[in-house]
């Protein structure tokens, strides 16, 4: 929702699939992901099935999110459904790696109706 004061990000529904990006200020790999993938992610099939939610790693996991193990590296991309982690991608060594891994993550989701 955009208004005169800027963009307001609303939390995703608890039962919807999402890709949670854990990042940290000053992370060069996060910056590289933002430059190469960030602008096109929401327009991709992956982005439509699992919208992105950004989380500052230093703030800790958001309430209602259950992780399989702690987040130690940035960026870490966690596929979440019904508030629980299904799988994750740790790190960002490049665009080709990201898209291939992201598509394999989505294989963990139930088929769309």
PDB file of N, CA and C in Angstrom:
ATOM      1  N   UNK A   1       0.853  -1.160   0.000  1.00  0.00           N
ATOM      2  CA  UNK A   1       0.000   0.000   0.000  1.00  0.00           C
ATOM      3  C   UNK A   1       0.905   1.230   0.000  1.00  0.00           C
ATOM      4  N   UNK A   2       0.791   2.097  -0.975  1.00  0.00           N
ATOM      5  CA  UNK A   2       1.610   3.296  -1.051  1.00  0.00           C
ATOM      6  C   UNK A   2       0.759   4.502  -0.745  1.00  0.00           C
ATOM      7  N   UNK A   3       1.353   5.463  -0.132  1.00  0.00           N
ATOM      8  CA  UNK A   3       0.663   6.682   0.206  1.00  0.00           C
ATOM      9  C   UNK A   3       1.625   7.845   0.151  1.00  0.00           C
ATOM     10  N   UNK A   4       1.177   9.009   0.614  1.00  0.00           N
ATOM     11  CA  UNK A   4       2.008  10.196   0.585  1.00  0.00           C
ATOM     12  C   UNK A   4       3.248  10.037   1.449  1.00  0.00           C
ATOM     13  N   UNK A   5       3.217   9.140   2.402  1.00  0.00           N
ATOM     14  CA  UNK A   5       4.333   8.985   3.328  1.00  0.00           C
ATOM     15  C   UNK A   5       5.278   7.872   2.922  1.00  0.00           C
ATOM     16  N   UNK A   6       4.987   7.147   1.866  1.00  0.00           N
ATOM     17  CA  UNK A   6       5.905   6.108   1.419  1.00  0.00           C
ATOM     18  C   UNK A   6       5.247   4.747   1.350  1.00  0.00           C
ATOM     19  N   UNK A   7       6.070   3.745   1.243  1.00  0.00           N
ATOM     20  CA  UNK A   7       5.614   2.379   1.075  1.00  0.00           C
ATOM     21  C   UNK A   7       5.432   1.729   2.436  1.00  0.00           C
ATOM     22  N   UNK A   8       4.320   1.039   2.616  1.00  0.00           N
ATOM     23  CA  UNK A   8       4.053   0.294   3.829  1.00  0.00           C
ATOM     24  C   UNK A   8       4.049  -1.178   3.456  1.00  0.00           C
ATOM     25  N   UNK A   9       4.895  -1.974   4.118  1.00  0.00           N
ATOM     26  CA  UNK A   9       4.937  -3.406   3.854  1.00  0.00           C
ATOM     27  C   UNK A   9       4.083  -4.119   4.880  1.00  0.00           C
ATOM     28  N   UNK A  10       3.120  -4.859   4.402  1.00  0.00           N
ATOM     29  CA  UNK A  10       2.249  -5.614   5.284  1.00  0.00           C
ATOM     30  C   UNK A  10       2.789  -7.033   5.403  1.00  0.00           C
ATOM     31  N   UNK A  11       2.696  -7.662   6.579  1.00  0.00           N
ATOM     32  CA  UNK A  11       3.183  -9.033   6.706  1.00  0.00           C
ATOM     33  C   UNK A  11       2.376  -9.976   5.837  1.00  0.00           C
ATOM     34  N   UNK A  12       3.039 -11.016   5.374  1.00  0.00           N
ATOM     35  CA  UNK A  12       2.350 -12.027   4.569  1.00  0.00           C
ATOM     36  C   UNK A  12       1.408 -12.819   5.464  1.00  0.00           C
ATOM     37  N   UNK A  13       0.381 -13.371   4.858  1.00  0.00           N
ATOM     38  CA  UNK A  13      -0.547 -14.211   5.611  1.00  0.00           C
ATOM     39  C   UNK A  13       0.209 -15.408   6.179  1.00  0.00           C
ATOM     40  N   UNK A  14      -0.169 -15.815   7.370  1.00  0.00           N
ATOM     41  CA  UNK A  14       0.552 -16.872   8.071  1.00  0.00           C
ATOM     42  C   UNK A  14       0.548 -18.187   7.300  1.00  0.00           C
ATOM     43  N   UNK A  15      -0.493 -18.447   6.495  1.00  0.00           N
ATOM     44  CA  UNK A  15      -0.567 -19.721   5.802  1.00  0.00           C
ATOM     45  C   UNK A  15      -0.050 -19.660   4.366  1.00  0.00           C
ATOM     46  N   UNK A  16       0.456 -18.537   3.935  1.00  0.00           N
ATOM     47  CA  UNK A  16       0.953 -18.390   2.574  1.00  0.00           C
ATOM     48  C   UNK A  16       2.437 -18.749   2.515  1.00  0.00           C
ATOM     49  N   UNK A  17       2.857 -19.272   1.368  1.00  0.00           N
ATOM     50  CA  UNK A  17       4.278 -19.528   1.158  1.00  0.00           C
ATOM     51  C   UNK A  17       4.976 -18.195   0.962  1.00  0.00           C
ATOM     52  N   UNK A  18       6.179 -18.106   1.488  1.00  0.00           N
ATOM     53  CA  UNK A  18       6.990 -16.909   1.291  1.00  0.00           C
ATOM     54  C   UNK A  18       8.452 -17.297   1.366  1.00  0.00           C
ATOM     55  N   UNK A  19       9.289 -16.457   0.774  1.00  0.00           N
ATOM     56  CA  UNK A  19      10.722 -16.619   0.871  1.00  0.00           C
ATOM     57  C   UNK A  19      11.216 -15.503   1.783  1.00  0.00           C
ATOM     58  N   UNK A  20      11.754 -15.889   2.928  1.00  0.00           N
ATOM     59  CA  UNK A  20      12.225 -14.910   3.898  1.00  0.00           C
ATOM     60  C   UNK A  20      13.725 -14.731   3.690  1.00  0.00           C
ATOM     61  N   UNK A  21      14.113 -13.507   3.381  1.00  0.00           N
ATOM     62  CA  UNK A  21      15.516 -13.160   3.172  1.00  0.00           C
ATOM     63  C   UNK A  21      16.057 -12.588   4.474  1.00  0.00           C
ATOM     64  N   UNK A  22      16.981 -13.305   5.100  1.00  0.00           N
ATOM     65  CA  UNK A  22      17.679 -12.796   6.274  1.00  0.00           C
ATOM     66  C   UNK A  22      18.937 -12.110   5.773  1.00  0.00           C
ATOM     67  N   UNK A  23      19.055 -10.828   6.088  1.00  0.00           N
ATOM     68  CA  UNK A  23      20.175 -10.031   5.618  1.00  0.00           C
ATOM     69  C   UNK A  23      20.736  -9.214   6.766  1.00  0.00           C
ATOM     70  N   UNK A  24      21.880  -8.584   6.513  1.00  0.00           N
ATOM     71  CA  UNK A  24      22.532  -7.765   7.514  1.00  0.00           C
ATOM     72  C   UNK A  24      23.153  -6.565   6.806  1.00  0.00           C
ATOM     73  N   UNK A  25      23.055  -5.426   7.436  1.00  0.00           N
ATOM     74  CA  UNK A  25      23.650  -4.211   6.878  1.00  0.00           C
ATOM     75  C   UNK A  25      25.139  -4.435   6.630  1.00  0.00           C
ATOM     76  N   UNK A  26      25.604  -4.013   5.463  1.00  0.00           N
ATOM     77  CA  UNK A  26      27.012  -4.139   5.108  1.00  0.00           C
ATOM     78  C   UNK A  26      27.384  -5.472   4.471  1.00  0.00           C
ATOM     79  N   UNK A  27      26.426  -6.363   4.283  1.00  0.00           N
ATOM     80  CA  UNK A  27      26.691  -7.669   3.673  1.00  0.00           C
ATOM     81  C   UNK A  27      26.882  -7.481   2.166  1.00  0.00           C
ATOM     82  N   UNK A  28      28.096  -7.736   1.642  1.00  0.00           N
ATOM     83  CA  UNK A  28      28.322  -7.530   0.207  1.00  0.00           C
ATOM     84  C   UNK A  28      27.535  -8.499  -0.666  1.00  0.00           C
ATOM     85  N   UNK A  29      27.275  -9.716  -0.179  1.00  0.00           N
ATOM     86  CA  UNK A  29      26.513 -10.694  -0.964  1.00  0.00           C
ATOM     87  C   UNK A  29      25.041 -10.316  -1.010  1.00  0.00           C
ATOM     88  N   UNK A  30      24.548  -9.682   0.051  1.00  0.00           N
ATOM     89  CA  UNK A  30      23.167  -9.179   0.045  1.00  0.00           C
ATOM     90  C   UNK A  30      23.030  -8.073  -0.997  1.00  0.00           C
ATOM     91  N   UNK A  31      24.023  -7.204  -1.054  1.00  0.00           N
ATOM     92  CA  UNK A  31      24.029  -6.116  -2.032  1.00  0.00           C
ATOM     93  C   UNK A  31      24.080  -6.674  -3.454  1.00  0.00           C
ATOM     94  N   UNK A  32      24.887  -7.714  -3.666  1.00  0.00           N
ATOM     95  CA  UNK A  32      24.975  -8.334  -4.993  1.00  0.00           C
ATOM     96  C   UNK A  32      23.631  -8.956  -5.384  1.00  0.00           C
ATOM     97  N   UNK A  33      22.960  -9.607  -4.428  1.00  0.00           N
ATOM     98  CA  UNK A  33      21.648 -10.189  -4.707  1.00  0.00           C
ATOM     99  C   UNK A  33      20.654  -9.084  -5.061  1.00  0.00           C
ATOM    100  N   UNK A  34      20.674  -7.998  -4.296  1.00  0.00           N
ATOM    101  CA  UNK A  34      19.774  -6.870  -4.563  1.00  0.00           C
ATOM    102  C   UNK A  34      19.956  -6.338  -5.976  1.00  0.00           C
ATOM    103  N   UNK A  35      21.203  -6.238  -6.422  1.00  0.00           N
ATOM    104  CA  UNK A  35      21.479  -5.682  -7.747  1.00  0.00           C
ATOM    105  C   UNK A  35      21.043  -6.627  -8.866  1.00  0.00           C
ATOM    106  N   UNK A  36      21.342  -7.917  -8.722  1.00  0.00           N
ATOM    107  CA  UNK A  36      21.082  -8.864  -9.807  1.00  0.00           C
ATOM    108  C   UNK A  36      19.668  -9.441  -9.791  1.00  0.00           C
ATOM    109  N   UNK A  37      19.131  -9.721  -8.623  1.00  0.00           N
ATOM    110  CA  UNK A  37      17.877 -10.458  -8.507  1.00  0.00           C
ATOM    111  C   UNK A  37      16.735  -9.599  -7.970  1.00  0.00           C
ATOM    112  N   UNK A  38      17.036  -8.727  -7.033  1.00  0.00           N
ATOM    113  CA  UNK A  38      16.005  -7.953  -6.338  1.00  0.00           C
ATOM    114  C   UNK A  38      14.935  -7.344  -7.229  1.00  0.00           C
ATOM    115  N   UNK A  39      15.315  -6.630  -8.297  1.00  0.00           N
ATOM    116  CA  UNK A  39      14.285  -5.985  -9.125  1.00  0.00           C
ATOM    117  C   UNK A  39      13.402  -6.960  -9.910  1.00  0.00           C
ATOM    118  N   UNK A  40      13.927  -8.133 -10.255  1.00  0.00           N
ATOM    119  CA  UNK A  40      13.140  -9.049 -11.079  1.00  0.00           C
ATOM    120  C   UNK A  40      12.460 -10.150 -10.266  1.00  0.00           C
ATOM    121  N   UNK A  41      12.866 -10.335  -9.023  1.00  0.00           N
ATOM    122  CA  UNK A  41      12.301 -11.423  -8.221  1.00  0.00           C
ATOM    123  C   UNK A  41      10.769 -11.380  -8.156  1.00  0.00           C
ATOM    124  N   UNK A  42      10.148 -10.234  -7.828  1.00  0.00           N
ATOM    125  CA  UNK A  42       8.683 -10.237  -7.714  1.00  0.00           C
ATOM    126  C   UNK A  42       7.959 -10.527  -9.029  1.00  0.00           C
ATOM    127  N   UNK A  43       8.640 -10.351 -10.164  1.00  0.00           N
ATOM    128  CA  UNK A  43       8.030 -10.576 -11.475  1.00  0.00           C
ATOM    129  C   UNK A  43       8.208 -12.017 -11.958  1.00  0.00           C
ATOM    130  N   UNK A  44       9.025 -12.788 -11.246  1.00  0.00           N
ATOM    131  CA  UNK A  44       9.337 -14.150 -11.668  1.00  0.00           C
ATOM    132  C   UNK A  44       8.270 -15.129 -11.170  1.00  0.00           C
ATOM    133  N   UNK A  45       8.240 -16.325 -11.762  1.00  0.00           N
ATOM    134  CA  UNK A  45       7.336 -17.375 -11.290  1.00  0.00           C
ATOM    135  C   UNK A  45       7.639 -17.715  -9.831  1.00  0.00           C
ATOM    136  N   UNK A  46       8.918 -17.778  -9.504  1.00  0.00           N
ATOM    137  CA  UNK A  46       9.333 -18.058  -8.122  1.00  0.00           C
ATOM    138  C   UNK A  46       8.789 -16.980  -7.189  1.00  0.00           C
ATOM    139  N   UNK A  47       8.946 -15.727  -7.571  1.00  0.00           N
ATOM    140  CA  UNK A  47       8.489 -14.616  -6.747  1.00  0.00           C
ATOM    141  C   UNK A  47       6.983 -14.547  -6.578  1.00  0.00           C
ATOM    142  N   UNK A  48       6.258 -14.984  -7.590  1.00  0.00           N
ATOM    143  CA  UNK A  48       4.794 -15.002  -7.473  1.00  0.00           C
ATOM    144  C   UNK A  48       4.327 -16.126  -6.547  1.00  0.00           C
ATOM    145  N   UNK A  49       5.015 -17.258  -6.569  1.00  0.00           N
ATOM    146  CA  UNK A  49       4.627 -18.384  -5.692  1.00  0.00           C
ATOM    147  C   UNK A  49       5.098 -18.192  -4.262  1.00  0.00           C
ATOM    148  N   UNK A  50       6.228 -17.513  -4.084  1.00  0.00           N
ATOM    149  CA  UNK A  50       6.788 -17.305  -2.746  1.00  0.00           C
ATOM    150  C   UNK A  50       7.291 -15.868  -2.645  1.00  0.00           C
ATOM    151  N   UNK A  51       6.387 -14.920  -2.370  1.00  0.00           N
ATOM    152  CA  UNK A  51       6.792 -13.517  -2.257  1.00  0.00           C
ATOM    153  C   UNK A  51       7.898 -13.347  -1.201  1.00  0.00           C
ATOM    154  N   UNK A  52       8.713 -12.346  -1.412  1.00  0.00           N
ATOM    155  CA  UNK A  52       9.873 -12.091  -0.558  1.00  0.00           C
ATOM    156  C   UNK A  52       9.491 -11.264   0.662  1.00  0.00           C
ATOM    157  N   UNK A  53      10.019 -11.689   1.808  1.00  0.00           N
ATOM    158  CA  UNK A  53       9.944 -10.872   3.030  1.00  0.00           C
ATOM    159  C   UNK A  53      11.368 -10.708   3.530  1.00  0.00           C
ATOM    160  N   UNK A  54      11.781  -9.475   3.771  1.00  0.00           N
ATOM    161  CA  UNK A  54      13.138  -9.184   4.217  1.00  0.00           C
ATOM    162  C   UNK A  54      13.166  -9.048   5.736  1.00  0.00           C
ATOM    163  N   UNK A  55      14.184  -9.658   6.349  1.00  0.00           N
ATOM    164  CA  UNK A  55      14.333  -9.618   7.798  1.00  0.00           C
ATOM    165  C   UNK A  55      15.784  -9.282   8.120  1.00  0.00           C
ATOM    166  N   UNK A  56      15.975  -8.336   9.012  1.00  0.00           N
ATOM    167  CA  UNK A  56      17.313  -8.001   9.498  1.00  0.00           C
ATOM    168  C   UNK A  56      17.746  -9.103  10.460  1.00  0.00           C
ATOM    169  N   UNK A  57      18.835  -9.790  10.145  1.00  0.00           N
ATOM    170  CA  UNK A  57      19.298 -10.895  10.970  1.00  0.00           C
ATOM    171  C   UNK A  57      19.554 -10.456  12.403  1.00  0.00           C
ATOM    172  N   UNK A  58      20.038  -9.239  12.586  1.00  0.00           N
ATOM    173  CA  UNK A  58      20.343  -8.755  13.930  1.00  0.00           C
ATOM    174  C   UNK A  58      19.088  -8.544  14.775  1.00  0.00           C
ATOM    175  N   UNK A  59      17.922  -8.442  14.139  1.00  0.00           N
ATOM    176  CA  UNK A  59      16.664  -8.270  14.875  1.00  0.00           C
ATOM    177  C   UNK A  59      16.084  -9.612  15.309  1.00  0.00           C
ATOM    178  N   UNK A  60      16.637 -10.711  14.788  1.00  0.00           N
ATOM    179  CA  UNK A  60      16.136 -12.038  15.144  1.00  0.00           C
ATOM    180  C   UNK A  60      14.958 -12.428  14.287  1.00  0.00           C
ATOM    181  N   UNK A  61      14.553 -13.696  14.386  1.00  0.00           N
ATOM    182  CA  UNK A  61      13.422 -14.147  13.571  1.00  0.00           C
ATOM    183  C   UNK A  61      12.133 -13.446  13.977  1.00  0.00           C
ATOM    184  N   UNK A  62      11.283 -13.165  13.019  1.00  0.00           N
ATOM    185  CA  UNK A  62      10.004 -12.523  13.347  1.00  0.00           C
ATOM    186  C   UNK A  62       9.109 -13.464  14.155  1.00  0.00           C
ATOM    187  N   UNK A  63       8.222 -12.899  14.962  1.00  0.00           N
ATOM    188  CA  UNK A  63       7.292 -13.744  15.713  1.00  0.00           C
ATOM    189  C   UNK A  63       6.461 -14.611  14.770  1.00  0.00           C
ATOM    190  N   UNK A  64       6.190 -15.825  15.192  1.00  0.00           N
ATOM    191  CA  UNK A  64       5.356 -16.726  14.407  1.00  0.00           C
ATOM    192  C   UNK A  64       6.100 -17.506  13.350  1.00  0.00           C
ATOM    193  N   UNK A  65       7.428 -17.342  13.278  1.00  0.00           N
ATOM    194  CA  UNK A  65       8.230 -18.067  12.291  1.00  0.00           C
ATOM    195  C   UNK A  65       9.048 -19.138  13.011  1.00  0.00           C
ATOM    196  N   UNK A  66       8.879 -20.392  12.592  1.00  0.00           N
ATOM    197  CA  UNK A  66       9.607 -21.499  13.196  1.00  0.00           C
ATOM    198  C   UNK A  66      10.703 -21.944  12.235  1.00  0.00           C
ATOM    199  N   UNK A  67      11.951 -21.826  12.693  1.00  0.00           N
ATOM    200  CA  UNK A  67      13.106 -22.220  11.893  1.00  0.00           C
ATOM    201  C   UNK A  67      13.596 -23.594  12.334  1.00  0.00           C
ATOM    202  N   UNK A  68      14.183 -24.344  11.392  1.00  0.00           N
ATOM    203  CA  UNK A  68      14.742 -25.659  11.715  1.00  0.00           C
ATOM    204  C   UNK A  68      16.042 -25.535  12.502  1.00  0.00           C
ATOM    205  N   UNK A  69      16.794 -24.463  12.226  1.00  0.00           N
ATOM    206  CA  UNK A  69      18.052 -24.196  12.927  1.00  0.00           C
ATOM    207  C   UNK A  69      18.341 -22.704  12.822  1.00  0.00           C
ATOM    208  N   UNK A  70      19.244 -22.194  13.650  1.00  0.00           N
ATOM    209  CA  UNK A  70      19.519 -20.752  13.616  1.00  0.00           C
ATOM    210  C   UNK A  70      20.097 -20.295  12.268  1.00  0.00           C
ATOM    211  N   UNK A  71      19.876 -19.040  11.967  1.00  0.00           N
ATOM    212  CA  UNK A  71      20.465 -18.407  10.779  1.00  0.00           C
ATOM    213  C   UNK A  71      21.847 -17.903  11.176  1.00  0.00           C
ATOM    214  N   UNK A  72      22.866 -18.289  10.430  1.00  0.00           N
ATOM    215  CA  UNK A  72      24.237 -17.898  10.770  1.00  0.00           C
ATOM    216  C   UNK A  72      24.900 -17.042   9.691  1.00  0.00           C
ATOM    217  N   UNK A  73      24.404 -17.113   8.459  1.00  0.00           N
ATOM    218  CA  UNK A  73      25.050 -16.441   7.336  1.00  0.00           C
ATOM    219  C   UNK A  73      24.072 -15.523   6.625  1.00  0.00           C
ATOM    220  N   UNK A  74      24.612 -14.473   6.024  1.00  0.00           N
ATOM    221  CA  UNK A  74      23.782 -13.611   5.186  1.00  0.00           C
ATOM    222  C   UNK A  74      24.380 -13.585   3.792  1.00  0.00           C
ATOM    223  N   UNK A  75      23.511 -13.562   2.808  1.00  0.00           N
ATOM    224  CA  UNK A  75      22.071 -13.743   2.925  1.00  0.00           C
ATOM    225  C   UNK A  75      21.722 -15.221   3.119  1.00  0.00           C
ATOM    226  N   UNK A  76      20.634 -15.453   3.817  1.00  0.00           N
ATOM    227  CA  UNK A  76      20.017 -16.775   3.900  1.00  0.00           C
ATOM    228  C   UNK A  76      18.569 -16.603   3.486  1.00  0.00           C
ATOM    229  N   UNK A  77      18.135 -17.444   2.562  1.00  0.00           N
ATOM    230  CA  UNK A  77      16.776 -17.412   2.025  1.00  0.00           C
ATOM    231  C   UNK A  77      16.038 -18.628   2.569  1.00  0.00           C
ATOM    232  N   UNK A  78      14.965 -18.393   3.318  1.00  0.00           N
ATOM    233  CA  UNK A  78      14.229 -19.485   3.948  1.00  0.00           C
ATOM    234  C   UNK A  78      12.843 -19.576   3.324  1.00  0.00           C
ATOM    235  N   UNK A  79      12.527 -20.727   2.754  1.00  0.00           N
ATOM    236  CA  UNK A  79      11.187 -20.961   2.234  1.00  0.00           C
ATOM    237  C   UNK A  79      10.304 -21.355   3.405  1.00  0.00           C
ATOM    238  N   UNK A  80       9.220 -20.608   3.583  1.00  0.00           N
ATOM    239  CA  UNK A  80       8.326 -20.786   4.724  1.00  0.00           C
ATOM    240  C   UNK A  80       6.916 -21.022   4.205  1.00  0.00           C
ATOM    241  N   UNK A  81       6.241 -21.975   4.833  1.00  0.00           N
ATOM    242  CA  UNK A  81       4.816 -22.168   4.588  1.00  0.00           C
ATOM    243  C   UNK A  81       4.157 -22.482   5.924  1.00  0.00           C
ATOM    244  N   UNK A  82       2.987 -21.898   6.144  1.00  0.00           N
ATOM    245  CA  UNK A  82       2.270 -22.057   7.411  1.00  0.00           C
ATOM    246  C   UNK A  82       3.152 -21.682   8.602  1.00  0.00           C
ATOM    247  N   UNK A  83       4.053 -20.710   8.404  1.00  0.00           N
ATOM    248  CA  UNK A  83       4.893 -20.216   9.490  1.00  0.00           C
ATOM    249  C   UNK A  83       6.095 -21.078   9.829  1.00  0.00           C
ATOM    250  N   UNK A  84       6.321 -22.165   9.066  1.00  0.00           N
ATOM    251  CA  UNK A  84       7.429 -23.080   9.355  1.00  0.00           C
ATOM    252  C   UNK A  84       8.376 -23.198   8.168  1.00  0.00           C
ATOM    253  N   UNK A  85       9.646 -23.306   8.484  1.00  0.00           N
ATOM    254  CA  UNK A  85      10.668 -23.474   7.456  1.00  0.00           C
ATOM    255  C   UNK A  85      10.518 -24.820   6.758  1.00  0.00           C
ATOM    256  N   UNK A  86      10.557 -24.773   5.424  1.00  0.00           N
ATOM    257  CA  UNK A  86      10.594 -25.999   4.622  1.00  0.00           C
ATOM    258  C   UNK A  86      12.024 -26.329   4.223  1.00  0.00           C
ATOM    259  N   UNK A  87      12.754 -25.298   3.805  1.00  0.00           N
ATOM    260  CA  UNK A  87      14.129 -25.481   3.339  1.00  0.00           C
ATOM    261  C   UNK A  87      14.766 -24.109   3.231  1.00  0.00           C
ATOM    262  N   UNK A  88      16.050 -24.071   2.922  1.00  0.00           N
ATOM    263  CA  UNK A  88      16.749 -22.782   2.826  1.00  0.00           C
ATOM    264  C   UNK A  88      17.893 -22.820   1.825  1.00  0.00           C
ATOM    265  N   UNK A  89      18.295 -21.615   1.423  1.00  0.00           N
ATOM    266  CA  UNK A  89      19.499 -21.388   0.627  1.00  0.00           C
ATOM    267  C   UNK A  89      20.394 -20.519   1.496  1.00  0.00           C
ATOM    268  N   UNK A  90      21.605 -20.980   1.752  1.00  0.00           N
ATOM    269  CA  UNK A  90      22.553 -20.188   2.532  1.00  0.00           C
ATOM    270  C   UNK A  90      23.587 -19.607   1.586  1.00  0.00           C
ATOM    271  N   UNK A  91      23.686 -18.284   1.571  1.00  0.00           N
ATOM    272  CA  UNK A  91      24.659 -17.601   0.734  1.00  0.00           C
ATOM    273  C   UNK A  91      24.110 -17.237  -0.632  1.00  0.00           C
ATOM    274  N   UNK A  92      24.932 -16.507  -1.373  1.00  0.00           N
ATOM    275  CA  UNK A  92      24.573 -16.094  -2.725  1.00  0.00           C
ATOM    276  C   UNK A  92      25.835 -16.038  -3.585  1.00  0.00           C
ATOM    277  N   UNK A  93      26.195 -17.155  -4.245  1.00  0.00           N
ATOM    278  CA  UNK A  93      27.372 -17.135  -5.102  1.00  0.00           C
ATOM    279  C   UNK A  93      27.095 -16.732  -6.550  1.00  0.00           C
ATOM    280  N   UNK A  94      25.874 -16.297  -6.848  1.00  0.00           N
ATOM    281  CA  UNK A  94      25.592 -15.831  -8.194  1.00  0.00           C
ATOM    282  C   UNK A  94      24.174 -16.112  -8.636  1.00  0.00           C
ATOM    283  N   UNK A  95      23.800 -15.437  -9.726  1.00  0.00           N
ATOM    284  CA  UNK A  95      22.433 -15.487 -10.241  1.00  0.00           C
ATOM    285  C   UNK A  95      22.007 -16.886 -10.667  1.00  0.00           C
ATOM    286  N   UNK A  96      22.844 -17.593 -11.425  1.00  0.00           N
ATOM    287  CA  UNK A  96      22.473 -18.934 -11.892  1.00  0.00           C
ATOM    288  C   UNK A  96      22.234 -19.879 -10.722  1.00  0.00           C
ATOM    289  N   UNK A  97      23.089 -19.833  -9.727  1.00  0.00           N
ATOM    290  CA  UNK A  97      22.936 -20.664  -8.537  1.00  0.00           C
ATOM    291  C   UNK A  97      21.617 -20.344  -7.843  1.00  0.00           C
ATOM    292  N   UNK A  98      21.324 -19.063  -7.674  1.00  0.00           N
ATOM    293  CA  UNK A  98      20.120 -18.680  -6.944  1.00  0.00           C
ATOM    294  C   UNK A  98      18.860 -19.207  -7.625  1.00  0.00           C
ATOM    295  N   UNK A  99      18.705 -18.955  -8.919  1.00  0.00           N
ATOM    296  CA  UNK A  99      17.467 -19.351  -9.598  1.00  0.00           C
ATOM    297  C   UNK A  99      17.278 -20.867  -9.586  1.00  0.00           C
ATOM    298  N   UNK A 100      18.342 -21.622  -9.820  1.00  0.00           N
ATOM    299  CA  UNK A 100      18.238 -23.076  -9.791  1.00  0.00           C
ATOM    300  C   UNK A 100      17.841 -23.587  -8.413  1.00  0.00           C
ATOM    301  N   UNK A 101      18.474 -23.062  -7.375  1.00  0.00           N
ATOM    302  CA  UNK A 101      18.142 -23.475  -6.006  1.00  0.00           C
ATOM    303  C   UNK A 101      16.735 -23.030  -5.621  1.00  0.00           C
ATOM    304  N   UNK A 102      16.343 -21.817  -6.015  1.00  0.00           N
ATOM    305  CA  UNK A 102      15.008 -21.312  -5.675  1.00  0.00           C
ATOM    306  C   UNK A 102      13.929 -22.183  -6.309  1.00  0.00           C
ATOM    307  N   UNK A 103      14.136 -22.602  -7.541  1.00  0.00           N
ATOM    308  CA  UNK A 103      13.160 -23.483  -8.189  1.00  0.00           C
ATOM    309  C   UNK A 103      13.077 -24.829  -7.480  1.00  0.00           C
ATOM    310  N   UNK A 104      14.215 -25.355  -7.031  1.00  0.00           N
ATOM    311  CA  UNK A 104      14.192 -26.619  -6.278  1.00  0.00           C
ATOM    312  C   UNK A 104      13.495 -26.432  -4.925  1.00  0.00           C
ATOM    313  N   UNK A 105      13.641 -25.273  -4.303  1.00  0.00           N
ATOM    314  CA  UNK A 105      12.920 -25.001  -3.059  1.00  0.00           C
ATOM    315  C   UNK A 105      11.423 -25.097  -3.286  1.00  0.00           C
ATOM    316  N   UNK A 106      10.955 -24.497  -4.374  1.00  0.00           N
ATOM    317  CA  UNK A 106       9.513 -24.482  -4.642  1.00  0.00           C
ATOM    318  C   UNK A 106       8.954 -25.872  -4.907  1.00  0.00           C
ATOM    319  N   UNK A 107       9.796 -26.799  -5.278  1.00  0.00           N
ATOM    320  CA  UNK A 107       9.351 -28.188  -5.432  1.00  0.00           C
ATOM    321  C   UNK A 107       8.868 -28.754  -4.101  1.00  0.00           C
ATOM    322  N   UNK A 108       9.248 -28.125  -3.004  1.00  0.00           N
ATOM    323  CA  UNK A 108       8.825 -28.579  -1.675  1.00  0.00           C
ATOM    324  C   UNK A 108       7.393 -28.142  -1.348  1.00  0.00           C
ATOM    325  N   UNK A 109       6.850 -27.197  -2.129  1.00  0.00           N
ATOM    326  CA  UNK A 109       5.489 -26.710  -1.893  1.00  0.00           C
ATOM    327  C   UNK A 109       4.472 -27.636  -2.540  1.00  0.00           C
ATOM    328  N   UNK A 110       3.265 -27.721  -1.950  1.00  0.00           N
ATOM    329  CA  UNK A 110       2.205 -28.488  -2.606  1.00  0.00           C
ATOM    330  C   UNK A 110       1.842 -27.842  -3.942  1.00  0.00           C
ATOM    331  N   UNK A 111       1.348 -28.619  -4.853  1.00  0.00           N
ATOM    332  CA  UNK A 111       0.933 -28.110  -6.167  1.00  0.00           C
ATOM    333  C   UNK A 111      -0.143 -27.052  -5.997  1.00  0.00           C
ATOM    334  N   UNK A 112      -0.102 -26.047  -6.851  1.00  0.00           N
ATOM    335  CA  UNK A 112      -1.133 -24.989  -6.811  1.00  0.00           C
ATOM    336  C   UNK A 112      -2.460 -25.559  -7.275  1.00  0.00           C
ATOM    337  N   UNK A 113      -3.570 -25.087  -6.661  1.00  0.00           N
ATOM    338  CA  UNK A 113      -4.891 -25.585  -7.082  1.00  0.00           C
ATOM    339  C   UNK A 113      -5.241 -25.132  -8.475  1.00  0.00           C
TER     340      UNK A 113
END
